[in-house]
Protein backbone atom coordinates (compact mmCIF):
# COMPACT_ATOMS: atom_id res chain seq x y z
CA MET A 1 20.50 -117.91 58.35
CA PRO A 2 19.76 -121.22 59.44
CA SER A 3 18.50 -123.26 56.28
CA PRO A 4 14.78 -124.27 56.13
CA ALA A 5 15.49 -127.51 57.20
CA SER A 6 17.69 -126.87 60.16
CA MET A 7 16.42 -127.45 63.72
CA LEU A 8 17.67 -127.67 67.15
CA ALA A 9 18.42 -131.24 68.24
CA ILE A 10 19.77 -132.78 71.45
CA GLY A 11 22.57 -135.44 71.22
CA LEU A 12 23.08 -137.85 74.12
CA MET A 13 25.82 -139.86 74.80
CA SER A 14 27.26 -142.55 77.44
CA GLY A 15 30.41 -144.12 76.29
CA THR A 16 32.31 -147.19 76.86
CA SER A 17 34.17 -145.10 79.86
CA GLN A 18 30.75 -145.19 81.52
CA ASP A 19 31.61 -142.27 83.41
CA GLY A 20 28.55 -140.52 82.77
CA VAL A 21 25.77 -139.00 80.02
CA ASP A 22 27.07 -136.23 77.85
CA VAL A 23 24.18 -133.86 76.70
CA ALA A 24 25.01 -131.65 73.55
CA LEU A 25 22.53 -129.18 71.86
CA ILE A 26 23.27 -128.00 68.02
CA ASP A 27 21.27 -126.25 65.04
CA THR A 28 21.71 -128.04 62.09
CA ASP A 29 20.09 -129.65 58.90
CA GLY A 30 22.20 -132.75 59.26
CA GLU A 31 24.67 -131.48 56.55
CA THR A 32 25.86 -128.51 57.46
CA ILE A 33 26.36 -127.60 61.16
CA GLY A 34 24.48 -123.54 61.86
CA GLN A 35 25.34 -123.28 65.27
CA PHE A 36 26.61 -125.17 68.75
CA GLY A 37 24.60 -124.74 71.82
CA ALA A 38 25.10 -125.47 75.42
CA THR A 39 26.68 -128.87 76.72
CA ALA A 40 26.60 -130.34 79.95
CA CYS A 41 27.36 -133.88 81.71
CA ARG A 42 25.83 -135.78 84.32
CA PRO A 43 28.04 -137.99 86.02
CA TYR A 44 27.15 -141.66 87.03
CA THR A 45 27.87 -142.41 90.71
CA LYS A 46 30.00 -144.81 91.82
CA ALA A 47 27.36 -147.21 92.32
CA GLU A 48 25.85 -146.80 88.92
CA ARG A 49 29.55 -147.54 87.39
CA THR A 50 29.49 -150.79 89.27
CA LEU A 51 26.00 -152.02 88.39
CA LEU A 52 26.91 -150.94 84.60
CA ARG A 53 30.28 -152.76 84.78
CA GLN A 54 28.37 -155.74 86.60
CA ALA A 55 25.66 -155.34 83.50
CA THR A 56 28.61 -155.32 80.64
CA ALA A 57 30.21 -158.54 82.35
CA ALA A 58 26.44 -160.23 82.45
CA ALA A 59 26.00 -159.17 78.37
CA ALA A 60 28.89 -161.12 77.42
CA ASN A 61 27.24 -164.13 76.89
CA LEU A 62 24.01 -162.83 75.23
CA THR A 63 22.84 -164.06 71.68
CA GLU A 64 19.57 -161.81 71.77
CA ARG A 65 19.57 -158.40 71.61
CA THR A 66 16.19 -158.24 73.06
CA ALA A 67 17.34 -160.38 76.50
CA ARG A 68 17.18 -159.00 79.41
CA PRO A 69 18.39 -160.30 82.59
CA LEU A 70 17.98 -159.08 85.71
CA ILE A 71 21.13 -157.11 86.00
CA VAL A 72 20.72 -156.06 82.33
CA ALA A 73 17.07 -155.00 83.04
CA LYS A 74 18.16 -152.78 86.17
CA ALA A 75 21.23 -150.98 84.45
CA GLU A 76 18.59 -150.12 81.62
CA ALA A 77 16.29 -148.58 84.17
CA LEU A 78 19.27 -146.82 85.42
CA VAL A 79 20.34 -145.54 82.08
CA ASN A 80 16.52 -144.39 80.92
CA ASP A 81 16.42 -142.37 84.27
CA ALA A 82 19.90 -141.08 84.28
CA HIS A 83 19.36 -139.56 80.70
CA ALA A 84 15.74 -138.13 81.46
CA GLU A 85 16.97 -136.68 84.42
CA ALA A 86 20.10 -134.99 82.56
CA VAL A 87 17.95 -133.56 79.66
CA GLN A 88 15.48 -132.30 82.52
CA SER A 89 18.30 -130.45 83.60
CA PHE A 90 19.20 -129.19 80.78
CA LEU A 91 16.14 -128.01 79.56
CA ALA A 92 15.36 -125.72 82.60
CA SER A 93 19.21 -124.46 82.70
CA ASN A 94 18.96 -123.86 79.15
CA SER A 95 15.37 -122.09 79.24
CA LEU A 96 14.45 -124.33 76.27
CA THR A 97 11.41 -126.14 76.18
CA PRO A 98 10.48 -129.38 74.94
CA GLY A 99 8.32 -128.00 71.86
CA SER A 100 11.69 -125.84 70.72
CA VAL A 101 13.95 -129.32 70.36
CA ALA A 102 12.95 -131.33 66.90
CA ALA A 103 14.34 -134.44 68.33
CA ILE A 104 16.99 -135.98 70.49
CA GLY A 105 19.07 -138.48 69.51
CA PHE A 106 19.72 -141.13 72.37
CA HIS A 107 22.64 -143.39 71.63
CA GLY A 108 22.32 -145.82 74.79
CA GLN A 109 24.70 -147.76 76.61
CA THR A 110 26.99 -150.12 74.91
CA LEU A 111 26.99 -153.66 76.68
CA LEU A 112 28.19 -156.10 73.81
CA HIS A 113 29.26 -155.17 70.27
CA ARG A 114 29.85 -158.21 68.39
CA PRO A 115 28.79 -157.55 64.75
CA GLU A 116 30.67 -160.82 63.44
CA ARG A 117 27.85 -162.51 65.28
CA GLY A 118 25.37 -159.62 63.87
CA LEU A 119 24.70 -158.47 67.25
CA THR A 120 25.54 -155.04 68.98
CA LEU A 121 23.25 -153.92 72.30
CA GLN A 122 22.77 -150.32 73.61
CA ILE A 123 20.69 -150.47 76.39
CA GLY A 124 18.11 -147.52 76.37
CA ASP A 125 14.24 -147.34 76.14
CA GLY A 126 13.77 -144.37 73.29
CA ARG A 127 10.12 -144.87 73.77
CA ASN A 128 10.31 -144.44 77.63
CA LEU A 129 12.19 -141.40 77.04
CA ALA A 130 10.69 -140.05 74.18
CA ARG A 131 7.17 -140.15 76.50
CA ARG A 132 9.17 -138.76 79.67
CA LEU A 133 10.44 -135.60 77.80
CA GLY A 134 7.95 -134.69 75.42
CA ILE A 135 10.43 -134.62 72.36
CA PRO A 136 10.93 -137.33 69.70
CA VAL A 137 14.03 -139.66 70.14
CA VAL A 138 16.08 -141.17 67.60
CA TYR A 139 17.38 -144.14 69.38
CA ASP A 140 19.20 -147.42 68.05
CA PHE A 141 21.42 -146.36 65.72
CA ARG A 142 23.08 -149.08 64.95
CA ALA A 143 21.14 -151.93 64.42
CA ALA A 144 20.23 -151.45 60.82
CA ASP A 145 23.76 -151.24 59.76
CA VAL A 146 24.73 -154.46 61.53
CA ASP A 147 21.86 -156.04 59.80
CA ALA A 148 22.90 -155.18 56.95
CA GLY A 149 26.11 -156.66 57.19
CA GLY A 150 28.14 -153.54 58.84
CA GLN A 151 30.22 -153.22 61.65
CA GLY A 152 28.00 -150.62 63.45
CA ALA A 153 30.18 -148.77 64.64
CA PRO A 154 32.05 -146.19 64.48
CA LEU A 155 28.98 -143.46 63.94
CA ALA A 156 30.53 -139.99 64.13
CA PRO A 157 32.45 -139.83 61.06
CA ILE A 158 30.07 -137.84 59.34
CA PHE A 159 29.54 -135.63 61.88
CA HIS A 160 33.50 -135.55 61.86
CA ARG A 161 33.88 -134.49 58.05
CA ALA A 162 31.24 -131.90 58.43
CA LEU A 163 33.57 -130.25 61.51
CA VAL A 164 36.83 -130.31 59.47
CA ARG A 165 35.49 -128.71 56.16
CA GLN A 166 34.29 -126.19 57.94
CA LEU A 167 37.79 -125.79 59.39
CA GLY A 168 39.57 -126.05 56.16
CA GLY A 169 43.38 -126.59 55.91
CA GLU A 170 45.62 -128.65 54.01
CA PRO A 171 44.31 -132.35 53.94
CA PRO A 172 44.33 -135.20 54.56
CA THR A 173 43.16 -134.93 58.48
CA ALA A 174 42.55 -137.74 60.93
CA VAL A 175 39.97 -136.93 63.94
CA LEU A 176 40.93 -139.57 66.71
CA ASN A 177 38.31 -140.02 69.38
CA LEU A 178 39.88 -141.29 72.65
CA GLY A 179 36.90 -143.11 74.77
CA GLY A 180 37.22 -146.63 76.00
CA VAL A 181 37.89 -147.69 72.19
CA ALA A 182 39.67 -145.74 70.40
CA ASN A 183 38.66 -144.90 66.91
CA ILE A 184 39.64 -142.61 63.91
CA THR A 185 38.17 -140.92 60.96
CA PHE A 186 40.25 -140.28 57.58
CA ILE A 187 38.74 -137.17 55.72
CA ASP A 188 40.32 -136.16 52.40
CA GLY A 189 37.85 -134.95 50.21
CA GLU A 190 34.92 -137.17 49.71
CA SER A 191 37.12 -139.93 50.90
CA LEU A 192 35.98 -141.01 54.63
CA ILE A 193 37.54 -143.87 56.27
CA ALA A 194 37.09 -145.02 59.82
CA CYS A 195 37.37 -147.86 62.10
CA ASP A 196 38.47 -148.52 65.88
CA THR A 197 42.17 -148.79 66.11
CA GLY A 198 42.70 -150.76 69.29
CA PRO A 199 41.81 -149.72 73.24
CA GLY A 200 41.74 -146.42 74.19
CA ASN A 201 40.96 -145.66 77.98
CA ALA A 202 39.31 -148.99 78.71
CA LEU A 203 42.22 -151.18 79.97
CA LEU A 204 44.08 -148.29 81.40
CA ASP A 205 41.09 -147.14 83.47
CA ASP A 206 40.35 -151.15 84.28
CA PHE A 207 44.02 -151.98 85.18
CA LEU A 208 44.09 -148.72 87.74
CA ARG A 209 40.65 -149.76 89.32
CA LEU A 210 42.06 -153.11 89.53
CA ARG A 211 45.58 -152.33 91.25
CA THR A 212 44.81 -148.56 92.94
CA GLY A 213 41.25 -148.56 93.40
CA GLN A 214 41.31 -145.38 91.12
CA PRO A 215 38.89 -144.55 88.34
CA LEU A 216 41.66 -143.86 86.25
CA ASP A 217 45.19 -142.41 85.52
CA THR A 218 44.65 -138.42 86.15
CA ASP A 219 46.60 -135.79 84.32
CA GLY A 220 48.46 -139.30 82.77
CA ARG A 221 50.89 -139.27 86.13
CA GLN A 222 51.06 -142.73 86.72
CA ALA A 223 51.83 -143.34 83.16
CA GLY A 224 54.19 -140.42 83.06
CA ALA A 225 56.38 -141.71 85.59
CA GLY A 226 56.57 -145.53 84.03
CA THR A 227 58.62 -147.18 82.00
CA VAL A 228 57.14 -148.42 78.75
CA ASP A 229 57.41 -152.22 77.93
CA GLU A 230 58.40 -152.00 74.17
CA ALA A 231 58.98 -155.73 74.30
CA MET A 232 55.06 -156.51 75.26
CA ILE A 233 53.80 -153.95 72.81
CA THR A 234 55.47 -155.30 70.25
CA ARG A 235 54.11 -158.89 71.50
CA LEU A 236 50.49 -157.39 71.70
CA LEU A 237 50.10 -155.79 68.53
CA THR A 238 50.78 -159.16 66.80
CA HIS A 239 47.04 -159.66 67.70
CA PRO A 240 45.19 -160.39 64.18
CA PHE A 241 42.74 -157.38 65.08
CA PHE A 242 46.16 -154.82 64.54
CA SER A 243 46.95 -156.16 61.21
CA ALA A 244 43.48 -155.83 59.89
CA PRO A 245 42.14 -153.25 57.44
CA PRO A 246 39.72 -150.56 58.19
CA PRO A 247 36.89 -151.02 58.73
CA LYS A 248 36.71 -152.74 61.85
CA SER A 249 35.33 -152.16 65.17
CA LEU A 250 35.73 -153.35 69.30
CA ASP A 251 33.66 -154.05 72.29
CA ARG A 252 34.60 -152.42 75.02
CA ASN A 253 35.97 -155.82 76.91
CA ASP A 254 37.92 -157.34 74.16
CA PHE A 255 41.75 -157.64 75.28
CA ARG A 256 40.38 -157.27 78.70
CA GLU A 257 42.13 -160.45 79.94
CA TRP A 258 45.46 -158.30 79.34
CA VAL A 259 44.92 -156.39 82.23
CA GLY A 260 45.07 -159.15 84.76
CA ASP A 261 47.31 -161.86 82.74
CA VAL A 262 49.64 -160.27 80.47
CA LEU A 263 50.62 -157.36 83.13
CA ASP A 264 50.44 -159.80 85.98
CA GLY A 265 53.53 -158.93 88.44
CA ILE A 266 54.14 -155.23 86.88
CA GLY A 267 54.63 -152.27 88.79
CA VAL A 268 51.47 -149.91 88.71
CA GLU A 269 53.62 -147.43 86.93
CA ASP A 270 55.04 -148.97 84.18
CA GLY A 271 51.98 -151.34 83.65
CA ALA A 272 49.86 -147.33 83.26
CA ALA A 273 53.02 -146.38 80.74
CA THR A 274 52.73 -149.32 79.10
CA LEU A 275 49.02 -149.64 78.29
CA THR A 276 49.13 -146.03 77.09
CA ALA A 277 51.86 -146.33 74.66
CA LEU A 278 49.88 -149.28 73.44
CA THR A 279 46.57 -146.73 72.83
CA ALA A 280 49.22 -144.64 70.88
CA ALA A 281 50.98 -147.64 69.17
CA ALA A 282 47.62 -148.95 68.15
CA VAL A 283 46.69 -145.59 66.51
CA ALA A 284 49.95 -145.29 64.79
CA ARG A 285 49.58 -149.23 62.99
CA ILE A 286 46.58 -147.79 61.24
CA VAL A 287 48.24 -145.29 58.85
CA PRO A 288 49.74 -147.44 56.51
CA TYR A 289 46.19 -148.94 56.03
CA LEU A 290 44.95 -145.33 55.11
CA PRO A 291 45.38 -143.65 51.38
CA ARG A 292 48.21 -141.41 52.59
CA ALA A 293 49.53 -139.98 56.21
CA PRO A 294 47.26 -137.56 57.81
CA LYS A 295 48.93 -134.13 58.06
CA THR A 296 46.99 -133.52 60.79
CA TRP A 297 45.43 -135.27 63.93
CA ILE A 298 42.49 -133.73 65.81
CA VAL A 299 41.99 -135.70 69.37
CA ALA A 300 38.62 -135.56 71.48
CA GLY A 301 37.52 -137.57 74.23
CA GLY A 302 38.88 -138.15 77.35
CA GLY A 303 41.86 -138.83 76.44
CA ALA A 304 42.64 -135.96 74.70
CA ARG A 305 43.24 -134.56 78.55
CA ASN A 306 46.29 -137.11 79.11
CA PRO A 307 49.42 -135.19 78.36
CA THR A 308 51.38 -138.41 78.82
CA LEU A 309 49.21 -140.30 75.98
CA MET A 310 48.85 -137.05 73.30
CA ARG A 311 52.89 -136.78 74.04
CA MET A 312 53.04 -140.50 72.86
CA LEU A 313 51.00 -139.77 70.05
CA ALA A 314 53.00 -137.07 68.81
CA GLN A 315 56.20 -139.28 68.88
CA ARG A 316 54.12 -142.20 67.12
CA LEU A 317 52.71 -140.06 64.40
CA ALA A 318 55.58 -137.73 63.78
CA PRO A 319 55.85 -135.42 61.26
CA ALA A 320 52.11 -135.13 61.79
CA ARG A 321 50.77 -132.43 63.77
CA ILE A 322 48.59 -133.34 66.52
CA GLU A 323 45.76 -130.93 68.44
CA SER A 324 43.25 -131.43 70.64
CA ALA A 325 39.77 -131.05 70.15
CA HIS A 326 39.95 -127.64 72.02
CA GLU A 327 43.12 -126.45 70.12
CA ALA A 328 40.86 -126.67 67.07
CA GLY A 329 37.87 -124.82 68.63
CA TRP A 330 35.86 -127.98 69.26
CA SER A 331 34.59 -129.75 72.50
CA ILE A 332 36.71 -132.57 73.99
CA ASP A 333 33.91 -133.81 76.07
CA SER A 334 30.58 -132.87 74.27
CA LEU A 335 32.04 -134.00 70.79
CA GLU A 336 30.39 -137.77 70.66
CA ALA A 337 26.94 -136.03 72.35
CA GLN A 338 26.84 -133.20 69.53
CA ALA A 339 27.58 -136.10 66.75
CA PHE A 340 24.31 -137.97 67.88
CA ALA A 341 22.44 -134.77 67.76
CA TYR A 342 23.71 -134.67 64.17
CA LEU A 343 23.13 -138.01 63.59
CA ALA A 344 19.67 -137.79 64.37
CA VAL A 345 19.02 -134.86 62.22
CA ARG A 346 19.84 -137.14 59.50
CA SER A 347 17.89 -140.09 60.55
CA LEU A 348 14.87 -137.70 60.34
CA ARG A 349 15.93 -136.86 56.98
CA GLY A 350 16.45 -140.00 55.57
CA LEU A 351 19.98 -139.29 54.96
CA PRO A 352 22.92 -141.99 55.47
CA ILE A 353 24.84 -141.91 58.54
CA THR A 354 27.25 -144.99 58.05
CA PHE A 355 28.97 -145.92 54.76
CA PRO A 356 31.08 -148.44 53.16
CA GLY A 357 34.13 -147.19 54.18
CA THR A 358 33.30 -146.74 57.59
CA THR A 359 31.62 -149.72 58.39
CA GLY A 360 32.09 -151.67 55.50
CA VAL A 361 28.02 -151.62 54.73
CA ALA A 362 27.44 -152.96 51.36
CA GLN A 363 26.06 -148.85 50.18
CA PRO A 364 25.46 -145.91 52.14
CA LEU A 365 22.53 -146.71 55.25
CA THR A 366 20.12 -144.52 57.12
CA GLY A 367 19.97 -145.82 60.82
CA GLY A 368 17.86 -144.83 63.99
CA VAL A 369 14.33 -145.42 64.99
CA LEU A 370 12.24 -142.62 65.77
CA VAL A 371 10.06 -142.70 68.41
CA ARG A 372 7.06 -139.72 69.02
CA PRO A 373 5.75 -138.87 72.73
């Protein structure tokens, strides 16, 4: 039976890969997960992805999170419309009424993440969304943590711990999310450590778009046919980010210059193989900074569907067991959206969503801004 505090919440996620809006329904009290509900995705069109990339580039020089130059304002209107459409379609498809949903967790679209400057920008107007949908919306999840001196990312670790507790198994366990940026949650009893580890799919996607016009390396085919430049991997990993202990976080476009400069002259297949190996090697670099090596790694996000990347992870993280979120009984594609439904309920209840071990904030801190229709 659901606890008295259990409620239905919808989570929305548009990640750094900028491929679409994921929607997920869960029943939770913000501590345990009662039940997972339906999921859906509203893909971005090619034109919409182009606009989001243009806005991300334009946001690089912003110094105020409230600034909205024209291209950023256009992108925010797109984000609002896409999320409203996604939820309206989801409600209709699943015979849900607005009144049956306690809250929507609205992540928005990250355009800029510079916590060292006290700045993080996720476009998306929660007030606009609440008014259009007739459902309370919790949004702007990262700002309170950054304002308090934290990294503001990653935010899913407390959700990952709730999931792992349901699984049981021998600790410690690491949950690895391979979106545009890769991040890890280390779970060992009450110990919760998290950080971004390095590039996820973003650099590989950008490289292939630049070289071939294709948006991604489908099934890891390009990387699987190439040869990894191990000397280049060693050189790239000398960047100070990779030797810094957690907590730490990245902007989607950190290391973006490597796509055009460092990989200039390398073939498509070898470049794809090297960037894929970089993601795996950067994940492995975090292990010495953890209290002990994880026995199991559960991999989610788009990268979990890339067999070449999964093989490279298994090689570099041996003898640990590597499994996809699907093998663990979770959703590869909707895990982040489910996390923001969970975080919305925690925010409603005033429970912390960031912690010293996950973002570096001084003490556990709640976050998110609640707006009602």
